[in-house]
C-alpha cells in the first residue's frame, strides 16, 4: 500500500517565489502533487525540521537583515503556523540544524557560526557567535565562507564546513557557547561545503564544492576529530566546464552516498564499502533540470527528489535499494528558485 508523504521546499525569493512551499509525494502513484505556498518568508533557502515533526525552522531575510524563522507544524496536514522570526543586520545564514533546545546556523557571507536557544514559542536571539579567520588559494576563498553547521550523530559536537578556509571545524556546545575543539585542514582550494555521517557514526563524507570531490573521513566521537581516508571525484574526469558540487546525503542503511553537481547537472551515486566506509563510483544520473542545489530521499527511501534551482523544478526519481541507481520518472513540479527539500517523517 502506498504512502503519501508531506514535503517542504525552501527557496530564494529574488524573483517569483513567495517563500516555503509544501508538496505531496504519492508513493503509490509515484508522483509529486499539490504544490502550494506553506509560508511567506524572505529567501528561506534552508530548512530544518525538529524531532517528532513539531517545528520547522528556516533561514529568513528581511531587507538588509538575516536570521531564522520558526513555525509549528501540523504533522497531519503539513500546515505551518508562524511563531516568530529573529534577525540581525547583515546577510542571512545559508545552513542550519536543530537539536532539542538549540539551533546552529552557518553564514557564508559573514563567515560566522551562530548558536540560538529555541523553545515552543520560537527562536531566541543569538546566544553565541564566532567568526572564522583565514583564506584559501581559490578566487572564491578570499575570506571564510561557512557553508554547513550541524550536530554530530551523538549530539556532543557541532561540525562546521568552511568553504573559504578549507577547514572542517568541530565545536563543543557548552554553557550556551561554542568551544572550538578540533580542526581538520583538507586539500587547499577544495572548498568544503556539506557533510553527511554514516549511520555507524564512525565515518563521515565531506563534499567539496570547488574541487567536486567526496572526502571520506574517519570520525573520532571521543574528541570530535576527523582524519582523511579517501578522495574520490564527483564528476567525470573529462568534464572541463565549471561545476559547483552542492549537496551530499547517505541512505539510512549506509550502503549508498549521493551528491549533487551544479554545472554537470547530475546526481552522482557511490556505493559504500561495508568494512572501510570507502566509496566506489556507481553512476551519474542527469538531475532533470539546471543547477541541482539539493535533493532528498523520501522517508521510504524508494524515491529521490532533486531540486533544480535555475529551472525551478522538483524532479522525482525511483531508487533501487539494492544497486543505489536512480531512474527518472515522469513526474516533476514547478517550485520557483528552489533550493532545499525536507520531508516530515
C-alpha atoms as a PDB file:
ATOM      1  CA  UNK A   1       0.000   0.000   0.000  1.00  0.00           C
ATOM      2  CA  UNK A   2       1.406   3.383  -0.970  1.00  0.00           C
ATOM      3  CA  UNK A   3       2.018   6.244   1.382  1.00  0.00           C
ATOM      4  CA  UNK A   4       1.601   9.968   0.986  1.00  0.00           C
ATOM      5  CA  UNK A   5       4.453  11.999   2.414  1.00  0.00           C
ATOM      6  CA  UNK A   6       4.431  15.741   3.090  1.00  0.00           C
ATOM      7  CA  UNK A   7       7.472  17.627   1.842  1.00  0.00           C
ATOM      8  CA  UNK A   8       8.666  21.216   2.133  1.00  0.00           C
ATOM      9  CA  UNK A   9      10.864  23.187  -0.233  1.00  0.00           C
ATOM     10  CA  UNK A  10      12.996  26.167   0.712  1.00  0.00           C
ATOM     11  CA  UNK A  11      13.673  28.809  -1.939  1.00  0.00           C
ATOM     12  CA  UNK A  12      15.216  32.131  -2.799  1.00  0.00           C
ATOM     13  CA  UNK A  13      12.619  34.910  -3.145  1.00  0.00           C
ATOM     14  CA  UNK A  14      14.579  37.082  -5.556  1.00  0.00           C
ATOM     15  CA  UNK A  15      12.139  36.673  -8.462  1.00  0.00           C
ATOM     16  CA  UNK A  16       8.744  34.981  -8.224  1.00  0.00           C
ATOM     17  CA  UNK A  17       8.989  32.692  -5.201  1.00  0.00           C
ATOM     18  CA  UNK A  18       6.896  33.585  -2.149  1.00  0.00           C
ATOM     19  CA  UNK A  19       8.736  31.540   0.478  1.00  0.00           C
ATOM     20  CA  UNK A  20       8.364  27.959   1.741  1.00  0.00           C
ATOM     21  CA  UNK A  21       6.384  25.582  -0.443  1.00  0.00           C
ATOM     22  CA  UNK A  22       4.581  22.384   0.557  1.00  0.00           C
ATOM     23  CA  UNK A  23       4.012  19.368  -1.683  1.00  0.00           C
ATOM     24  CA  UNK A  24       2.882  15.747  -1.529  1.00  0.00           C
ATOM     25  CA  UNK A  25       4.732  12.636  -2.683  1.00  0.00           C
ATOM     26  CA  UNK A  26       2.257   9.887  -3.517  1.00  0.00           C
ATOM     27  CA  UNK A  27       4.350   6.704  -3.463  1.00  0.00           C
ATOM     28  CA  UNK A  28       1.579   4.507  -4.854  1.00  0.00           C
ATOM     29  CA  UNK A  29       1.136   6.677  -7.936  1.00  0.00           C
ATOM     30  CA  UNK A  30       4.849   7.637  -7.917  1.00  0.00           C
ATOM     31  CA  UNK A  31       4.101  11.305  -8.418  1.00  0.00           C
ATOM     32  CA  UNK A  32       4.582  14.725  -6.892  1.00  0.00           C
ATOM     33  CA  UNK A  33       1.404  16.764  -6.377  1.00  0.00           C
ATOM     34  CA  UNK A  34      -0.306  19.592  -4.501  1.00  0.00           C
ATOM     35  CA  UNK A  35       2.391  22.261  -4.608  1.00  0.00           C
ATOM     36  CA  UNK A  36       1.326  25.327  -2.633  1.00  0.00           C
ATOM     37  CA  UNK A  37       2.816  28.145  -0.592  1.00  0.00           C
ATOM     38  CA  UNK A  38       3.140  26.992   3.020  1.00  0.00           C
ATOM     39  CA  UNK A  39       4.601  30.172   4.486  1.00  0.00           C
ATOM     40  CA  UNK A  40       5.668  33.556   3.157  1.00  0.00           C
ATOM     41  CA  UNK A  41       9.257  34.206   4.224  1.00  0.00           C
ATOM     42  CA  UNK A  42      12.122  36.114   2.640  1.00  0.00           C
ATOM     43  CA  UNK A  43      14.554  33.666   0.984  1.00  0.00           C
ATOM     44  CA  UNK A  44      14.033  30.618   3.253  1.00  0.00           C
ATOM     45  CA  UNK A  45      16.854  28.833   1.454  1.00  0.00           C
ATOM     46  CA  UNK A  46      17.489  26.111   4.007  1.00  0.00           C
ATOM     47  CA  UNK A  47      15.086  24.291   6.309  1.00  0.00           C
ATOM     48  CA  UNK A  48      15.373  22.106   9.403  1.00  0.00           C
ATOM     49  CA  UNK A  49      12.586  20.055  10.992  1.00  0.00           C
ATOM     50  CA  UNK A  50      12.757  19.205  14.684  1.00  0.00           C
ATOM     51  CA  UNK A  51      12.411  15.749  16.136  1.00  0.00           C
ATOM     52  CA  UNK A  52       8.830  14.471  16.205  1.00  0.00           C
ATOM     53  CA  UNK A  53       7.947  16.905  13.372  1.00  0.00           C
ATOM     54  CA  UNK A  54       6.768  19.547  15.834  1.00  0.00           C
ATOM     55  CA  UNK A  55       8.631  22.561  14.491  1.00  0.00           C
ATOM     56  CA  UNK A  56      10.144  23.792  11.244  1.00  0.00           C
ATOM     57  CA  UNK A  57      12.914  26.377  11.137  1.00  0.00           C
ATOM     58  CA  UNK A  58      14.051  28.281   8.079  1.00  0.00           C
ATOM     59  CA  UNK A  59      16.658  30.776   7.027  1.00  0.00           C
ATOM     60  CA  UNK A  60      14.990  34.186   6.814  1.00  0.00           C
ATOM     61  CA  UNK A  61      15.830  37.504   5.185  1.00  0.00           C
ATOM     62  CA  UNK A  62      14.202  40.866   5.882  1.00  0.00           C
ATOM     63  CA  UNK A  63      15.623  43.668   3.742  1.00  0.00           C
ATOM     64  CA  UNK A  64      19.264  44.040   4.933  1.00  0.00           C
ATOM     65  CA  UNK A  65      18.892  41.690   7.906  1.00  0.00           C
ATOM     66  CA  UNK A  66      19.071  37.908   8.147  1.00  0.00           C
ATOM     67  CA  UNK A  67      18.331  35.175  10.652  1.00  0.00           C
ATOM     68  CA  UNK A  68      15.906  32.372  11.403  1.00  0.00           C
ATOM     69  CA  UNK A  69      12.115  31.961  11.267  1.00  0.00           C
ATOM     70  CA  UNK A  70      10.226  29.413  13.390  1.00  0.00           C
ATOM     71  CA  UNK A  71       6.948  27.628  12.679  1.00  0.00           C
ATOM     72  CA  UNK A  72       4.898  24.994  14.432  1.00  0.00           C
ATOM     73  CA  UNK A  73       3.901  22.065  12.214  1.00  0.00           C
ATOM     74  CA  UNK A  74       0.605  20.223  11.951  1.00  0.00           C
ATOM     75  CA  UNK A  75       2.066  16.804  11.149  1.00  0.00           C
ATOM     76  CA  UNK A  76      -1.265  15.565   9.734  1.00  0.00           C
ATOM     77  CA  UNK A  77      -1.793  18.362   7.198  1.00  0.00           C
ATOM     78  CA  UNK A  78       1.641  19.946   6.939  1.00  0.00           C
ATOM     79  CA  UNK A  79       0.147  23.327   7.837  1.00  0.00           C
ATOM     80  CA  UNK A  80       2.745  25.770   9.179  1.00  0.00           C
ATOM     81  CA  UNK A  81       1.851  28.279  11.896  1.00  0.00           C
ATOM     82  CA  UNK A  82       4.231  31.214  12.229  1.00  0.00           C
ATOM     83  CA  UNK A  83       5.836  31.562  15.667  1.00  0.00           C
ATOM     84  CA  UNK A  84       8.476  34.257  15.285  1.00  0.00           C
ATOM     85  CA  UNK A  85      11.488  35.463  13.337  1.00  0.00           C
ATOM     86  CA  UNK A  86      14.824  36.536  14.782  1.00  0.00           C
ATOM     87  CA  UNK A  87      17.057  38.621  12.507  1.00  0.00           C
ATOM     88  CA  UNK A  88      20.124  40.794  12.836  1.00  0.00           C
ATOM     89  CA  UNK A  89      21.804  43.225  10.470  1.00  0.00           C
ATOM     90  CA  UNK A  90      23.775  41.535   7.709  1.00  0.00           C
ATOM     91  CA  UNK A  91      23.419  38.668   5.271  1.00  0.00           C
ATOM     92  CA  UNK A  92      21.199  35.703   6.195  1.00  0.00           C
ATOM     93  CA  UNK A  93      22.733  32.327   7.067  1.00  0.00           C
ATOM     94  CA  UNK A  94      22.885  29.564   4.443  1.00  0.00           C
ATOM     95  CA  UNK A  95      22.548  26.451   6.614  1.00  0.00           C
ATOM     96  CA  UNK A  96      21.014  25.430   9.924  1.00  0.00           C
ATOM     97  CA  UNK A  97      20.430  22.430  12.146  1.00  0.00           C
ATOM     98  CA  UNK A  98      18.390  21.862  15.281  1.00  0.00           C
ATOM     99  CA  UNK A  99      18.564  19.579  18.307  1.00  0.00           C
ATOM    100  CA  UNK A 100      16.323  19.856  21.363  1.00  0.00           C
ATOM    101  CA  UNK A 101      16.555  23.471  22.601  1.00  0.00           C
ATOM    102  CA  UNK A 102      19.483  24.567  20.426  1.00  0.00           C
ATOM    103  CA  UNK A 103      19.839  25.670  16.830  1.00  0.00           C
ATOM    104  CA  UNK A 104      23.058  26.361  14.930  1.00  0.00           C
ATOM    105  CA  UNK A 105      23.483  28.358  11.747  1.00  0.00           C
ATOM    106  CA  UNK A 106      26.337  28.928   9.336  1.00  0.00           C
ATOM    107  CA  UNK A 107      26.722  32.199   7.477  1.00  0.00           C
ATOM    108  CA  UNK A 108      28.507  32.074   4.131  1.00  0.00           C
ATOM    109  CA  UNK A 109      28.863  35.817   3.620  1.00  0.00           C
ATOM    110  CA  UNK A 110      29.756  36.704   7.189  1.00  0.00           C
ATOM    111  CA  UNK A 111      31.979  33.665   7.830  1.00  0.00           C
ATOM    112  CA  UNK A 112      30.298  33.051  11.162  1.00  0.00           C
ATOM    113  CA  UNK A 113      28.736  30.267  13.208  1.00  0.00           C
ATOM    114  CA  UNK A 114      25.800  31.190  15.456  1.00  0.00           C
ATOM    115  CA  UNK A 115      24.115  29.368  18.303  1.00  0.00           C
ATOM    116  CA  UNK A 116      20.490  30.118  19.160  1.00  0.00           C
ATOM    117  CA  UNK A 117      18.325  28.898  22.023  1.00  0.00           C
ATOM    118  CA  UNK A 118      14.860  27.757  20.971  1.00  0.00           C
ATOM    119  CA  UNK A 119      11.639  26.837  22.730  1.00  0.00           C
ATOM    120  CA  UNK A 120       7.995  26.203  21.879  1.00  0.00           C
ATOM    121  CA  UNK A 121       7.472  29.938  21.397  1.00  0.00           C
ATOM    122  CA  UNK A 122      10.139  30.134  18.688  1.00  0.00           C
ATOM    123  CA  UNK A 123      13.729  31.303  18.315  1.00  0.00           C
ATOM    124  CA  UNK A 124      15.532  33.483  20.840  1.00  0.00           C
ATOM    125  CA  UNK A 125      18.284  35.924  19.927  1.00  0.00           C
ATOM    126  CA  UNK A 126      21.778  34.657  19.147  1.00  0.00           C
ATOM    127  CA  UNK A 127      23.404  33.362  22.341  1.00  0.00           C
ATOM    128  CA  UNK A 128      26.851  32.954  20.809  1.00  0.00           C
ATOM    129  CA  UNK A 129      28.577  33.861  17.554  1.00  0.00           C
ATOM    130  CA  UNK A 130      32.065  33.000  16.338  1.00  0.00           C
ATOM    131  CA  UNK A 131      33.737  34.486  13.275  1.00  0.00           C
ATOM    132  CA  UNK A 132      36.210  32.327  11.377  1.00  0.00           C
ATOM    133  CA  UNK A 133      39.510  33.627  10.038  1.00  0.00           C
ATOM    134  CA  UNK A 134      41.624  32.625   7.057  1.00  0.00           C
ATOM    135  CA  UNK A 135      41.710  32.354   3.277  1.00  0.00           C
ATOM    136  CA  UNK A 136      42.438  29.817   0.545  1.00  0.00           C
ATOM    137  CA  UNK A 137      44.109  29.800  -2.891  1.00  0.00           C
ATOM    138  CA  UNK A 138      40.909  29.792  -4.964  1.00  0.00           C
ATOM    139  CA  UNK A 139      39.429  33.092  -6.172  1.00  0.00           C
ATOM    140  CA  UNK A 140      36.310  32.382  -4.073  1.00  0.00           C
ATOM    141  CA  UNK A 141      38.372  31.823  -0.923  1.00  0.00           C
ATOM    142  CA  UNK A 142      39.183  35.479  -0.224  1.00  0.00           C
ATOM    143  CA  UNK A 143      37.760  35.090   3.296  1.00  0.00           C
ATOM    144  CA  UNK A 144      35.960  32.472   5.438  1.00  0.00           C
ATOM    145  CA  UNK A 145      32.715  31.118   3.975  1.00  0.00           C
ATOM    146  CA  UNK A 146      30.922  28.893   6.483  1.00  0.00           C
ATOM    147  CA  UNK A 147      28.612  26.632   4.487  1.00  0.00           C
ATOM    148  CA  UNK A 148      27.473  23.850   6.803  1.00  0.00           C
ATOM    149  CA  UNK A 149      26.727  23.664  10.530  1.00  0.00           C
ATOM    150  CA  UNK A 150      25.201  20.554  12.077  1.00  0.00           C
ATOM    151  CA  UNK A 151      25.179  18.437  15.198  1.00  0.00           C
ATOM    152  CA  UNK A 152      27.146  15.191  15.177  1.00  0.00           C
ATOM    153  CA  UNK A 153      25.109  11.962  15.406  1.00  0.00           C
ATOM    154  CA  UNK A 154      25.791  11.679  19.134  1.00  0.00           C
ATOM    155  CA  UNK A 155      24.884  15.389  19.526  1.00  0.00           C
ATOM    156  CA  UNK A 156      28.072  16.021  21.536  1.00  0.00           C
ATOM    157  CA  UNK A 157      29.562  18.370  18.964  1.00  0.00           C
ATOM    158  CA  UNK A 158      28.739  20.763  16.137  1.00  0.00           C
ATOM    159  CA  UNK A 159      30.628  20.273  12.858  1.00  0.00           C
ATOM    160  CA  UNK A 160      31.264  23.200  10.536  1.00  0.00           C
ATOM    161  CA  UNK A 161      32.470  23.118   6.918  1.00  0.00           C
ATOM    162  CA  UNK A 162      34.221  26.314   5.827  1.00  0.00           C
ATOM    163  CA  UNK A 163      34.500  26.669   2.044  1.00  0.00           C
ATOM    164  CA  UNK A 164      36.751  29.713   2.319  1.00  0.00           C
ATOM    165  CA  UNK A 165      39.428  28.257   4.598  1.00  0.00           C
ATOM    166  CA  UNK A 166      39.405  24.566   3.536  1.00  0.00           C
ATOM    167  CA  UNK A 167      38.617  23.559   7.103  1.00  0.00           C
ATOM    168  CA  UNK A 168      36.261  21.220   8.922  1.00  0.00           C
ATOM    169  CA  UNK A 169      35.909  22.626  12.429  1.00  0.00           C
ATOM    170  CA  UNK A 170      34.455  20.816  15.432  1.00  0.00           C
ATOM    171  CA  UNK A 171      32.863  22.766  18.271  1.00  0.00           C
ATOM    172  CA  UNK A 172      31.613  21.584  21.626  1.00  0.00           C
ATOM    173  CA  UNK A 173      28.403  23.198  22.869  1.00  0.00           C
ATOM    174  CA  UNK A 174      28.960  24.248  26.452  1.00  0.00           C
ATOM    175  CA  UNK A 175      27.147  26.768  28.637  1.00  0.00           C
ATOM    176  CA  UNK A 176      25.359  28.291  25.651  1.00  0.00           C
ATOM    177  CA  UNK A 177      28.651  28.873  23.837  1.00  0.00           C
ATOM    178  CA  UNK A 178      30.690  27.084  21.196  1.00  0.00           C
ATOM    179  CA  UNK A 179      34.175  25.928  22.113  1.00  0.00           C
ATOM    180  CA  UNK A 180      36.451  25.054  19.191  1.00  0.00           C
ATOM    181  CA  UNK A 181      37.969  21.657  19.945  1.00  0.00           C
ATOM    182  CA  UNK A 182      39.309  20.329  16.637  1.00  0.00           C
ATOM    183  CA  UNK A 183      40.178  21.466  13.113  1.00  0.00           C
ATOM    184  CA  UNK A 184      40.857  19.370  10.014  1.00  0.00           C
ATOM    185  CA  UNK A 185      42.512  21.126   7.085  1.00  0.00           C
ATOM    186  CA  UNK A 186      41.695  19.441   3.753  1.00  0.00           C
ATOM    187  CA  UNK A 187      43.316  19.921   0.344  1.00  0.00           C
ATOM    188  CA  UNK A 188      43.978  23.565  -0.494  1.00  0.00           C
ATOM    189  CA  UNK A 189      41.386  25.047  -2.829  1.00  0.00           C
ATOM    190  CA  UNK A 190      38.917  22.189  -2.431  1.00  0.00           C
ATOM    191  CA  UNK A 191      36.219  24.259  -0.702  1.00  0.00           C
ATOM    192  CA  UNK A 192      34.369  22.086   1.871  1.00  0.00           C
ATOM    193  CA  UNK A 193      30.618  22.565   1.507  1.00  0.00           C
ATOM    194  CA  UNK A 194      28.429  19.867   3.092  1.00  0.00           C
ATOM    195  CA  UNK A 195      28.931  16.727   5.171  1.00  0.00           C
ATOM    196  CA  UNK A 196      26.974  13.522   5.854  1.00  0.00           C
ATOM    197  CA  UNK A 197      27.645  10.978   8.587  1.00  0.00           C
ATOM    198  CA  UNK A 198      27.478   7.230   8.072  1.00  0.00           C
ATOM    199  CA  UNK A 199      24.821   5.639  10.312  1.00  0.00           C
ATOM    200  CA  UNK A 200      27.606   3.885  12.227  1.00  0.00           C
ATOM    201  CA  UNK A 201      28.802   7.281  13.494  1.00  0.00           C
ATOM    202  CA  UNK A 202      32.415   6.403  12.722  1.00  0.00           C
ATOM    203  CA  UNK A 203      32.728   7.653   9.142  1.00  0.00           C
ATOM    204  CA  UNK A 204      31.709  10.924   7.513  1.00  0.00           C
ATOM    205  CA  UNK A 205      31.551  12.067   3.898  1.00  0.00           C
ATOM    206  CA  UNK A 206      32.609  15.630   3.085  1.00  0.00           C
ATOM    207  CA  UNK A 207      31.613  17.165  -0.255  1.00  0.00           C
ATOM    208  CA  UNK A 208      33.927  19.851  -1.625  1.00  0.00           C
ATOM    209  CA  UNK A 209      32.262  22.461  -3.810  1.00  0.00           C
ATOM    210  CA  UNK A 210      35.286  23.846  -5.645  1.00  0.00           C
ATOM    211  CA  UNK A 211      37.082  20.585  -6.478  1.00  0.00           C
ATOM    212  CA  UNK A 212      33.885  18.457  -6.743  1.00  0.00           C
ATOM    213  CA  UNK A 213      35.206  15.616  -4.609  1.00  0.00           C
ATOM    214  CA  UNK A 214      33.952  13.469  -1.759  1.00  0.00           C
ATOM    215  CA  UNK A 215      36.427  13.164   1.097  1.00  0.00           C
ATOM    216  CA  UNK A 216      35.889  10.055   3.213  1.00  0.00           C
ATOM    217  CA  UNK A 217      36.737  10.823   6.830  1.00  0.00           C
ATOM    218  CA  UNK A 218      37.197   8.724   9.933  1.00  0.00           C
ATOM    219  CA  UNK A 219      35.398  10.329  12.868  1.00  0.00           C
ATOM    220  CA  UNK A 220      36.528  10.060  16.475  1.00  0.00           C
ATOM    221  CA  UNK A 221      33.430  10.501  18.622  1.00  0.00           C
ATOM    222  CA  UNK A 222      35.545  10.918  21.759  1.00  0.00           C
ATOM    223  CA  UNK A 223      37.180  14.206  20.808  1.00  0.00           C
ATOM    224  CA  UNK A 224      35.274  15.217  17.662  1.00  0.00           C
ATOM    225  CA  UNK A 225      38.307  14.920  15.387  1.00  0.00           C
ATOM    226  CA  UNK A 226      38.414  13.816  11.758  1.00  0.00           C
ATOM    227  CA  UNK A 227      41.141  12.158   9.687  1.00  0.00           C
ATOM    228  CA  UNK A 228      41.218  11.839   5.891  1.00  0.00           C
ATOM    229  CA  UNK A 229      40.780   8.407   4.367  1.00  0.00           C
ATOM    230  CA  UNK A 230      39.913   8.778   0.670  1.00  0.00           C
ATOM    231  CA  UNK A 231      39.332  11.411  -2.019  1.00  0.00           C
ATOM    232  CA  UNK A 232      37.038  10.498  -4.936  1.00  0.00           C
ATOM    233  CA  UNK A 233      35.755  12.685  -7.771  1.00  0.00           C
ATOM    234  CA  UNK A 234      32.053  13.503  -8.015  1.00  0.00           C
ATOM    235  CA  UNK A 235      32.187  14.470 -11.702  1.00  0.00           C
ATOM    236  CA  UNK A 236      33.650  12.734 -14.773  1.00  0.00           C
ATOM    237  CA  UNK A 237      37.371  13.307 -15.333  1.00  0.00           C
ATOM    238  CA  UNK A 238      36.697  14.614 -18.848  1.00  0.00           C
ATOM    239  CA  UNK A 239      34.170  17.271 -17.702  1.00  0.00           C
ATOM    240  CA  UNK A 240      36.033  20.577 -18.074  1.00  0.00           C
ATOM    241  CA  UNK A 241      33.275  23.142 -17.564  1.00  0.00           C
ATOM    242  CA  UNK A 242      32.598  24.798 -14.214  1.00  0.00           C
ATOM    243  CA  UNK A 243      30.932  22.555 -11.653  1.00  0.00           C
ATOM    244  CA  UNK A 244      29.897  23.515  -8.145  1.00  0.00           C
ATOM    245  CA  UNK A 245      29.198  20.401  -6.093  1.00  0.00           C
ATOM    246  CA  UNK A 246      26.129  21.025  -3.933  1.00  0.00           C
ATOM    247  CA  UNK A 247      24.591  18.522  -1.508  1.00  0.00           C
ATOM    248  CA  UNK A 248      25.527  15.133  -0.081  1.00  0.00           C
ATOM    249  CA  UNK A 249      23.233  12.570   1.541  1.00  0.00           C
ATOM    250  CA  UNK A 250      23.538   8.914   2.569  1.00  0.00           C
ATOM    251  CA  UNK A 251      20.932   6.157   2.669  1.00  0.00           C
ATOM    252  CA  UNK A 252      19.900   5.077   6.174  1.00  0.00           C
ATOM    253  CA  UNK A 253      21.372   1.592   5.639  1.00  0.00           C
ATOM    254  CA  UNK A 254      24.735   3.221   4.985  1.00  0.00           C
ATOM    255  CA  UNK A 255      25.174   1.486   1.632  1.00  0.00           C
ATOM    256  CA  UNK A 256      24.969   4.431  -0.797  1.00  0.00           C
ATOM    257  CA  UNK A 257      26.114   8.041  -0.899  1.00  0.00           C
ATOM    258  CA  UNK A 258      24.609  10.602  -3.287  1.00  0.00           C
ATOM    259  CA  UNK A 259      25.968  14.017  -4.302  1.00  0.00           C
ATOM    260  CA  UNK A 260      24.622  16.883  -6.421  1.00  0.00           C
ATOM    261  CA  UNK A 261      26.529  18.560  -9.259  1.00  0.00           C
ATOM    262  CA  UNK A 262      25.649  22.070 -10.433  1.00  0.00           C
ATOM    263  CA  UNK A 263      27.134  22.557 -13.888  1.00  0.00           C
ATOM    264  CA  UNK A 264      27.339  18.883 -14.771  1.00  0.00           C
ATOM    265  CA  UNK A 265      23.666  18.902 -13.639  1.00  0.00           C
ATOM    266  CA  UNK A 266      23.688  15.411 -12.233  1.00  0.00           C
ATOM    267  CA  UNK A 267      23.294  13.282  -9.141  1.00  0.00           C
ATOM    268  CA  UNK A 268      26.352  11.098  -8.529  1.00  0.00           C
ATOM    269  CA  UNK A 269      25.865   7.705  -6.909  1.00  0.00           C
ATOM    270  CA  UNK A 270      28.524   5.901  -4.857  1.00  0.00           C
ATOM    271  CA  UNK A 271      28.471   2.536  -3.118  1.00  0.00           C
ATOM    272  CA  UNK A 272      29.952   2.249   0.373  1.00  0.00           C
ATOM    273  CA  UNK A 273      32.357  -0.492   1.398  1.00  0.00           C
ATOM    274  CA  UNK A 274      30.804  -2.099   4.476  1.00  0.00           C
ATOM    275  CA  UNK A 275      34.155  -2.544   6.220  1.00  0.00           C
ATOM    276  CA  UNK A 276      36.193   0.544   5.362  1.00  0.00           C
ATOM    277  CA  UNK A 277      33.442   3.039   4.544  1.00  0.00           C
ATOM    278  CA  UNK A 278      35.321   3.977   1.376  1.00  0.00           C
ATOM    279  CA  UNK A 279      33.410   4.802  -1.814  1.00  0.00           C
ATOM    280  CA  UNK A 280      33.189   3.294  -5.285  1.00  0.00           C
ATOM    281  CA  UNK A 281      31.584   5.320  -8.067  1.00  0.00           C
ATOM    282  CA  UNK A 282      28.379   3.770  -9.458  1.00  0.00           C
ATOM    283  CA  UNK A 283      26.808   6.243 -11.922  1.00  0.00           C
ATOM    284  CA  UNK A 284      25.814   9.775 -12.807  1.00  0.00           C
ATOM    285  CA  UNK A 285      22.117  10.494 -13.401  1.00  0.00           C
ATOM    286  CA  UNK A 286      21.008  13.761 -15.071  1.00  0.00           C
ATOM    287  CA  UNK A 287      19.135  15.840 -12.492  1.00  0.00           C
ATOM    288  CA  UNK A 288      16.239  16.680 -14.816  1.00  0.00           C
ATOM    289  CA  UNK A 289      16.973  20.403 -14.726  1.00  0.00           C
ATOM    290  CA  UNK A 290      19.664  23.004 -14.231  1.00  0.00           C
ATOM    291  CA  UNK A 291      21.697  23.619 -11.077  1.00  0.00           C
ATOM    292  CA  UNK A 292      20.583  20.851  -8.663  1.00  0.00           C
ATOM    293  CA  UNK A 293      21.083  22.776  -5.436  1.00  0.00           C
ATOM    294  CA  UNK A 294      19.927  19.898  -3.236  1.00  0.00           C
ATOM    295  CA  UNK A 295      17.945  16.660  -3.218  1.00  0.00           C
ATOM    296  CA  UNK A 296      16.341  14.386  -0.658  1.00  0.00           C
ATOM    297  CA  UNK A 297      15.490  10.727  -0.142  1.00  0.00           C
ATOM    298  CA  UNK A 298      11.847  10.271   0.798  1.00  0.00           C
ATOM    299  CA  UNK A 299      11.039   8.576   4.141  1.00  0.00           C
ATOM    300  CA  UNK A 300      10.651   5.173   2.433  1.00  0.00           C
ATOM    301  CA  UNK A 301      13.945   5.750   0.573  1.00  0.00           C
ATOM    302  CA  UNK A 302      12.334   4.247  -2.537  1.00  0.00           C
ATOM    303  CA  UNK A 303      12.456   7.673  -4.202  1.00  0.00           C
ATOM    304  CA  UNK A 304      14.775  10.647  -4.553  1.00  0.00           C
ATOM    305  CA  UNK A 305      13.627  14.185  -5.331  1.00  0.00           C
ATOM    306  CA  UNK A 306      16.095  16.572  -6.967  1.00  0.00           C
ATOM    307  CA  UNK A 307      15.637  20.334  -6.605  1.00  0.00           C
ATOM    308  CA  UNK A 308      16.927  22.264  -9.620  1.00  0.00           C
ATOM    309  CA  UNK A 309      17.305  25.934  -8.724  1.00  0.00           C
ATOM    310  CA  UNK A 310      17.726  27.545 -12.144  1.00  0.00           C
ATOM    311  CA  UNK A 311      14.876  25.643 -13.812  1.00  0.00           C
ATOM    312  CA  UNK A 312      12.661  25.860 -10.712  1.00  0.00           C
ATOM    313  CA  UNK A 313      11.578  22.235 -10.679  1.00  0.00           C
ATOM    314  CA  UNK A 314      11.416  19.236  -8.374  1.00  0.00           C
ATOM    315  CA  UNK A 315      12.083  16.002 -10.255  1.00  0.00           C
ATOM    316  CA  UNK A 316      11.152  12.536  -8.995  1.00  0.00           C
ATOM    317  CA  UNK A 317      13.408   9.505  -9.329  1.00  0.00           C
ATOM    318  CA  UNK A 318      12.799   5.884  -8.422  1.00  0.00           C
ATOM    319  CA  UNK A 319      15.641   4.486  -6.302  1.00  0.00           C
ATOM    320  CA  UNK A 320      16.820   0.878  -6.466  1.00  0.00           C
ATOM    321  CA  UNK A 321      17.704  -0.041  -2.887  1.00  0.00           C
ATOM    322  CA  UNK A 322      19.951  -2.905  -3.974  1.00  0.00           C
ATOM    323  CA  UNK A 323      22.064  -1.089  -6.561  1.00  0.00           C
ATOM    324  CA  UNK A 324      21.575   2.505  -5.434  1.00  0.00           C
ATOM    325  CA  UNK A 325      20.799   3.516  -9.012  1.00  0.00           C
ATOM    326  CA  UNK A 326      18.226   6.139  -9.933  1.00  0.00           C
ATOM    327  CA  UNK A 327      15.571   6.079 -12.657  1.00  0.00           C
ATOM    328  CA  UNK A 328      13.876   9.327 -13.657  1.00  0.00           C
ATOM    329  CA  UNK A 329      10.098   9.142 -13.509  1.00  0.00           C
ATOM    330  CA  UNK A 330       7.604  11.194 -15.480  1.00  0.00           C
ATOM    331  CA  UNK A 331       6.749  13.380 -12.525  1.00  0.00           C
ATOM    332  CA  UNK A 332       8.020  16.852 -11.838  1.00  0.00           C
ATOM    333  CA  UNK A 333       6.517  20.000 -10.373  1.00  0.00           C
ATOM    334  CA  UNK A 334       7.418  23.677 -10.511  1.00  0.00           C
ATOM    335  CA  UNK A 335       8.824  25.380  -7.414  1.00  0.00           C
ATOM    336  CA  UNK A 336      10.439  28.742  -8.266  1.00  0.00           C
ATOM    337  CA  UNK A 337      14.063  29.328  -7.188  1.00  0.00           C
ATOM    338  CA  UNK A 338      14.049  26.054  -5.251  1.00  0.00           C
ATOM    339  CA  UNK A 339      16.986  25.240  -3.004  1.00  0.00           C
ATOM    340  CA  UNK A 340      16.396  22.649  -0.283  1.00  0.00           C
ATOM    341  CA  UNK A 341      13.855  19.863   0.254  1.00  0.00           C
ATOM    342  CA  UNK A 342      12.796  18.206   3.534  1.00  0.00           C
ATOM    343  CA  UNK A 343      10.140  15.633   4.459  1.00  0.00           C
ATOM    344  CA  UNK A 344       8.072  15.104   7.564  1.00  0.00           C
ATOM    345  CA  UNK A 345       8.892  11.612   8.815  1.00  0.00           C
END
